[in-house]
Amino acid sequence: MSSVDHELRLVINTGRVHLGSKVAVREIRRGRARMAIISANCPAGIRETIETHGKLSEIPVINHQKDSIDLGMLCGKPFPVSVIVINDPGDSKILDLAVN
């Protein structure tokens, strides 16, 4: 398991995250998001929207190497997750990984 996966699990357990592309765009537009993580097989249109809004809001956007099904499993959900938005990192140091 990579350090991003480890930190993501920690965020899910101790912080506040939102799953899904529609909610992600809303949270980024409202300025509440601190970071976005996109799955490897996220549709191109959604990926471009998230990346554009991320640049405008000056938040880091990580392109994860796992597909949406694996990302959903990592979050403990029985469904695919294409985008994860982190509002509160909790005890995790995932925001430090994005800077590097």
N, C-alpha and C. Protein backbone atom coordinates (compact mmCIF):
# COMPACT_ATOMS: atom_id res chain seq x y z
N MET A 1 0.85 -1.19 0.00
CA MET A 1 0.00 0.00 0.00
C MET A 1 0.89 1.24 0.00
N SER A 2 0.60 2.17 -0.90
CA SER A 2 1.41 3.38 -1.00
C SER A 2 1.10 4.33 0.16
N SER A 3 1.95 5.33 0.34
CA SER A 3 1.73 6.27 1.43
C SER A 3 0.49 7.12 1.19
N VAL A 4 0.15 7.38 -0.10
CA VAL A 4 -1.08 8.11 -0.40
C VAL A 4 -2.28 7.30 0.07
N ASP A 5 -2.27 5.98 -0.19
CA ASP A 5 -3.37 5.13 0.25
C ASP A 5 -3.49 5.12 1.77
N HIS A 6 -2.35 5.02 2.44
CA HIS A 6 -2.34 5.01 3.91
C HIS A 6 -2.92 6.32 4.45
N GLU A 7 -2.44 7.44 3.93
CA GLU A 7 -2.92 8.74 4.40
C GLU A 7 -4.40 8.94 4.06
N LEU A 8 -4.83 8.42 2.90
CA LEU A 8 -6.23 8.54 2.50
C LEU A 8 -7.14 7.78 3.46
N ARG A 9 -6.71 6.58 3.86
CA ARG A 9 -7.48 5.82 4.86
C ARG A 9 -7.58 6.59 6.18
N LEU A 10 -6.48 7.22 6.57
CA LEU A 10 -6.45 8.00 7.81
C LEU A 10 -7.41 9.18 7.70
N VAL A 11 -7.45 9.85 6.55
CA VAL A 11 -8.37 10.97 6.34
C VAL A 11 -9.81 10.49 6.45
N ILE A 12 -10.12 9.35 5.84
CA ILE A 12 -11.48 8.84 5.85
C ILE A 12 -11.92 8.51 7.28
N ASN A 13 -10.99 8.00 8.10
CA ASN A 13 -11.33 7.64 9.47
C ASN A 13 -11.36 8.83 10.43
N THR A 14 -10.52 9.84 10.20
CA THR A 14 -10.39 10.93 11.18
C THR A 14 -10.81 12.30 10.66
N GLY A 15 -10.88 12.46 9.34
CA GLY A 15 -11.20 13.77 8.78
C GLY A 15 -12.58 13.82 8.17
N ARG A 16 -12.75 14.73 7.21
CA ARG A 16 -14.03 14.88 6.53
C ARG A 16 -13.79 14.90 5.02
N VAL A 17 -14.41 13.95 4.32
CA VAL A 17 -14.26 13.84 2.87
C VAL A 17 -15.64 13.79 2.22
N HIS A 18 -15.67 14.10 0.93
CA HIS A 18 -16.88 13.95 0.11
C HIS A 18 -16.51 13.12 -1.09
N LEU A 19 -17.41 12.22 -1.48
CA LEU A 19 -17.17 11.33 -2.60
C LEU A 19 -18.07 11.70 -3.77
N GLY A 20 -17.54 11.61 -4.98
CA GLY A 20 -18.33 11.85 -6.18
C GLY A 20 -17.98 13.15 -6.86
N SER A 21 -18.12 13.16 -8.19
CA SER A 21 -17.69 14.30 -8.97
C SER A 21 -18.60 15.53 -8.79
N LYS A 22 -19.90 15.33 -8.69
CA LYS A 22 -20.81 16.48 -8.54
C LYS A 22 -20.57 17.20 -7.23
N VAL A 23 -20.45 16.44 -6.17
CA VAL A 23 -20.19 17.03 -4.85
C VAL A 23 -18.80 17.66 -4.84
N ALA A 24 -17.84 17.03 -5.51
CA ALA A 24 -16.48 17.56 -5.56
C ALA A 24 -16.45 18.94 -6.20
N VAL A 25 -17.10 19.07 -7.35
CA VAL A 25 -17.14 20.37 -8.03
C VAL A 25 -17.80 21.42 -7.13
N ARG A 26 -18.90 21.04 -6.48
CA ARG A 26 -19.60 21.98 -5.59
C ARG A 26 -18.70 22.43 -4.45
N GLU A 27 -18.02 21.49 -3.81
CA GLU A 27 -17.16 21.82 -2.67
C GLU A 27 -15.97 22.70 -3.09
N ILE A 28 -15.40 22.40 -4.27
CA ILE A 28 -14.28 23.22 -4.76
C ILE A 28 -14.76 24.63 -5.07
N ARG A 29 -15.91 24.75 -5.75
CA ARG A 29 -16.45 26.08 -6.09
C ARG A 29 -16.74 26.90 -4.85
N ARG A 30 -17.22 26.26 -3.81
CA ARG A 30 -17.56 26.98 -2.58
C ARG A 30 -16.34 27.28 -1.73
N GLY A 31 -15.18 26.77 -2.12
CA GLY A 31 -13.94 27.07 -1.40
C GLY A 31 -13.75 26.26 -0.14
N ARG A 32 -14.49 25.16 0.01
CA ARG A 32 -14.37 24.35 1.22
C ARG A 32 -13.37 23.21 1.06
N ALA A 33 -13.00 22.88 -0.15
CA ALA A 33 -12.11 21.74 -0.39
C ALA A 33 -10.67 22.15 -0.12
N ARG A 34 -9.89 21.22 0.42
CA ARG A 34 -8.47 21.43 0.65
C ARG A 34 -7.62 20.66 -0.35
N MET A 35 -8.22 19.57 -0.93
CA MET A 35 -7.52 18.73 -1.90
C MET A 35 -8.54 17.88 -2.63
N ALA A 36 -8.19 17.49 -3.87
CA ALA A 36 -9.03 16.56 -4.64
C ALA A 36 -8.16 15.41 -5.12
N ILE A 37 -8.73 14.21 -5.12
CA ILE A 37 -8.05 13.01 -5.62
C ILE A 37 -8.93 12.41 -6.71
N ILE A 38 -8.34 12.21 -7.89
CA ILE A 38 -9.09 11.71 -9.05
C ILE A 38 -8.62 10.30 -9.38
N SER A 39 -9.56 9.39 -9.68
CA SER A 39 -9.21 8.01 -10.03
C SER A 39 -8.59 7.96 -11.42
N ALA A 40 -7.91 6.86 -11.71
CA ALA A 40 -7.23 6.71 -13.00
C ALA A 40 -8.18 6.65 -14.18
N ASN A 41 -9.39 6.10 -13.96
CA ASN A 41 -10.34 5.95 -15.07
C ASN A 41 -11.48 6.96 -15.01
N CYS A 42 -11.27 8.09 -14.37
CA CYS A 42 -12.27 9.14 -14.32
C CYS A 42 -12.49 9.69 -15.73
N PRO A 43 -13.75 9.89 -16.15
CA PRO A 43 -14.01 10.42 -17.48
C PRO A 43 -13.29 11.75 -17.73
N ALA A 44 -12.83 11.94 -18.96
CA ALA A 44 -12.00 13.11 -19.31
C ALA A 44 -12.68 14.43 -18.98
N GLY A 45 -13.97 14.55 -19.26
CA GLY A 45 -14.68 15.80 -19.00
C GLY A 45 -14.70 16.15 -17.53
N ILE A 46 -14.95 15.16 -16.69
CA ILE A 46 -14.98 15.38 -15.24
C ILE A 46 -13.58 15.72 -14.75
N ARG A 47 -12.58 14.99 -15.25
CA ARG A 47 -11.18 15.23 -14.87
C ARG A 47 -10.79 16.68 -15.19
N GLU A 48 -11.11 17.15 -16.39
CA GLU A 48 -10.77 18.52 -16.78
C GLU A 48 -11.47 19.54 -15.90
N THR A 49 -12.74 19.29 -15.59
CA THR A 49 -13.49 20.22 -14.74
C THR A 49 -12.87 20.32 -13.36
N ILE A 50 -12.56 19.17 -12.77
CA ILE A 50 -11.95 19.16 -11.42
C ILE A 50 -10.59 19.84 -11.45
N GLU A 51 -9.76 19.53 -12.44
CA GLU A 51 -8.43 20.13 -12.52
C GLU A 51 -8.51 21.64 -12.74
N THR A 52 -9.43 22.09 -13.59
CA THR A 52 -9.60 23.53 -13.84
C THR A 52 -10.05 24.25 -12.57
N HIS A 53 -11.06 23.71 -11.91
CA HIS A 53 -11.54 24.34 -10.67
C HIS A 53 -10.48 24.29 -9.59
N GLY A 54 -9.69 23.20 -9.56
CA GLY A 54 -8.60 23.09 -8.59
C GLY A 54 -7.56 24.18 -8.79
N LYS A 55 -7.21 24.44 -10.05
CA LYS A 55 -6.24 25.50 -10.34
C LYS A 55 -6.79 26.86 -9.95
N LEU A 56 -8.05 27.11 -10.28
CA LEU A 56 -8.66 28.40 -9.94
C LEU A 56 -8.75 28.60 -8.43
N SER A 57 -9.02 27.52 -7.70
CA SER A 57 -9.15 27.60 -6.24
C SER A 57 -7.81 27.41 -5.53
N GLU A 58 -6.77 27.12 -6.32
CA GLU A 58 -5.42 26.90 -5.78
C GLU A 58 -5.39 25.77 -4.77
N ILE A 59 -6.06 24.66 -5.09
CA ILE A 59 -5.97 23.47 -4.25
C ILE A 59 -5.26 22.38 -5.04
N PRO A 60 -4.51 21.51 -4.35
CA PRO A 60 -3.82 20.42 -5.06
C PRO A 60 -4.80 19.37 -5.56
N VAL A 61 -4.52 18.84 -6.76
CA VAL A 61 -5.32 17.78 -7.34
C VAL A 61 -4.37 16.62 -7.63
N ILE A 62 -4.62 15.47 -7.02
CA ILE A 62 -3.78 14.28 -7.21
C ILE A 62 -4.48 13.34 -8.17
N ASN A 63 -3.77 12.90 -9.19
CA ASN A 63 -4.27 11.86 -10.09
C ASN A 63 -3.79 10.53 -9.54
N HIS A 64 -4.70 9.77 -8.94
CA HIS A 64 -4.36 8.49 -8.30
C HIS A 64 -4.18 7.41 -9.36
N GLN A 65 -3.30 6.44 -9.11
CA GLN A 65 -3.06 5.38 -10.08
C GLN A 65 -4.12 4.30 -10.06
N LYS A 66 -4.97 4.27 -9.03
CA LYS A 66 -6.01 3.25 -8.93
C LYS A 66 -7.26 3.68 -9.68
N ASP A 67 -8.03 2.69 -10.18
CA ASP A 67 -9.27 3.03 -10.86
C ASP A 67 -10.37 3.28 -9.83
N SER A 68 -11.56 3.64 -10.32
CA SER A 68 -12.64 4.06 -9.43
C SER A 68 -13.13 2.94 -8.51
N ILE A 69 -13.10 1.70 -8.99
CA ILE A 69 -13.55 0.58 -8.15
C ILE A 69 -12.58 0.38 -6.99
N ASP A 70 -11.27 0.40 -7.27
CA ASP A 70 -10.27 0.26 -6.21
C ASP A 70 -10.31 1.43 -5.24
N LEU A 71 -10.56 2.63 -5.77
CA LEU A 71 -10.64 3.81 -4.91
C LEU A 71 -11.87 3.71 -3.99
N GLY A 72 -12.97 3.20 -4.53
CA GLY A 72 -14.16 2.98 -3.70
C GLY A 72 -13.90 1.97 -2.60
N MET A 73 -13.20 0.88 -2.94
CA MET A 73 -12.86 -0.13 -1.94
C MET A 73 -11.94 0.45 -0.87
N LEU A 74 -11.00 1.31 -1.28
CA LEU A 74 -10.08 1.96 -0.35
C LEU A 74 -10.85 2.83 0.65
N CYS A 75 -11.95 3.43 0.16
CA CYS A 75 -12.80 4.26 1.03
C CYS A 75 -13.77 3.43 1.85
N GLY A 76 -13.80 2.12 1.61
CA GLY A 76 -14.71 1.25 2.34
C GLY A 76 -16.13 1.29 1.79
N LYS A 77 -16.27 1.66 0.52
CA LYS A 77 -17.59 1.75 -0.10
C LYS A 77 -17.77 0.63 -1.12
N PRO A 78 -19.00 0.12 -1.26
CA PRO A 78 -19.26 -0.97 -2.21
C PRO A 78 -19.57 -0.48 -3.63
N PHE A 79 -19.13 0.74 -3.96
CA PHE A 79 -19.41 1.29 -5.28
C PHE A 79 -18.18 2.07 -5.77
N PRO A 80 -18.07 2.29 -7.10
CA PRO A 80 -16.93 3.05 -7.64
C PRO A 80 -16.96 4.51 -7.18
N VAL A 81 -15.77 5.06 -6.95
CA VAL A 81 -15.62 6.47 -6.56
C VAL A 81 -14.61 7.09 -7.51
N SER A 82 -15.06 8.05 -8.31
CA SER A 82 -14.17 8.67 -9.29
C SER A 82 -13.40 9.85 -8.72
N VAL A 83 -14.01 10.58 -7.78
CA VAL A 83 -13.35 11.76 -7.20
C VAL A 83 -13.60 11.78 -5.70
N ILE A 84 -12.54 12.11 -4.96
CA ILE A 84 -12.63 12.31 -3.52
C ILE A 84 -12.17 13.73 -3.23
N VAL A 85 -12.96 14.46 -2.45
CA VAL A 85 -12.57 15.80 -2.04
C VAL A 85 -12.35 15.78 -0.53
N ILE A 86 -11.23 16.33 -0.10
CA ILE A 86 -10.90 16.37 1.32
C ILE A 86 -11.18 17.78 1.84
N ASN A 87 -12.09 17.87 2.80
CA ASN A 87 -12.39 19.16 3.43
C ASN A 87 -11.55 19.36 4.69
N ASP A 88 -11.40 18.28 5.46
CA ASP A 88 -10.63 18.33 6.70
C ASP A 88 -9.73 17.10 6.74
N PRO A 89 -8.40 17.28 6.77
CA PRO A 89 -7.51 16.13 6.73
C PRO A 89 -7.47 15.32 8.01
N GLY A 90 -8.05 15.80 9.09
CA GLY A 90 -8.03 15.04 10.34
C GLY A 90 -6.61 14.84 10.83
N ASP A 91 -6.26 13.60 11.22
CA ASP A 91 -4.93 13.29 11.73
C ASP A 91 -3.94 12.99 10.60
N SER A 92 -4.40 13.02 9.37
CA SER A 92 -3.58 12.64 8.23
C SER A 92 -2.63 13.76 7.81
N LYS A 93 -1.55 13.36 7.14
CA LYS A 93 -0.60 14.31 6.58
C LYS A 93 -0.68 14.32 5.06
N ILE A 94 -1.85 14.03 4.51
CA ILE A 94 -2.01 13.90 3.07
C ILE A 94 -1.79 15.22 2.34
N LEU A 95 -2.09 16.34 2.98
CA LEU A 95 -1.86 17.64 2.34
C LEU A 95 -0.36 17.89 2.13
N ASP A 96 0.47 17.34 3.01
CA ASP A 96 1.93 17.47 2.84
C ASP A 96 2.42 16.68 1.64
N LEU A 97 1.76 15.57 1.32
CA LEU A 97 2.17 14.76 0.16
C LEU A 97 1.93 15.50 -1.14
N ALA A 98 0.89 16.31 -1.20
CA ALA A 98 0.55 17.02 -2.43
C ALA A 98 1.55 18.11 -2.73
N VAL A 99 2.14 18.69 -1.70
CA VAL A 99 3.11 19.76 -1.89
C VAL A 99 4.38 19.22 -2.53
N ASN A 100 4.74 18.00 -2.16
CA ASN A 100 5.99 17.41 -2.66
C ASN A 100 5.87 17.00 -4.11
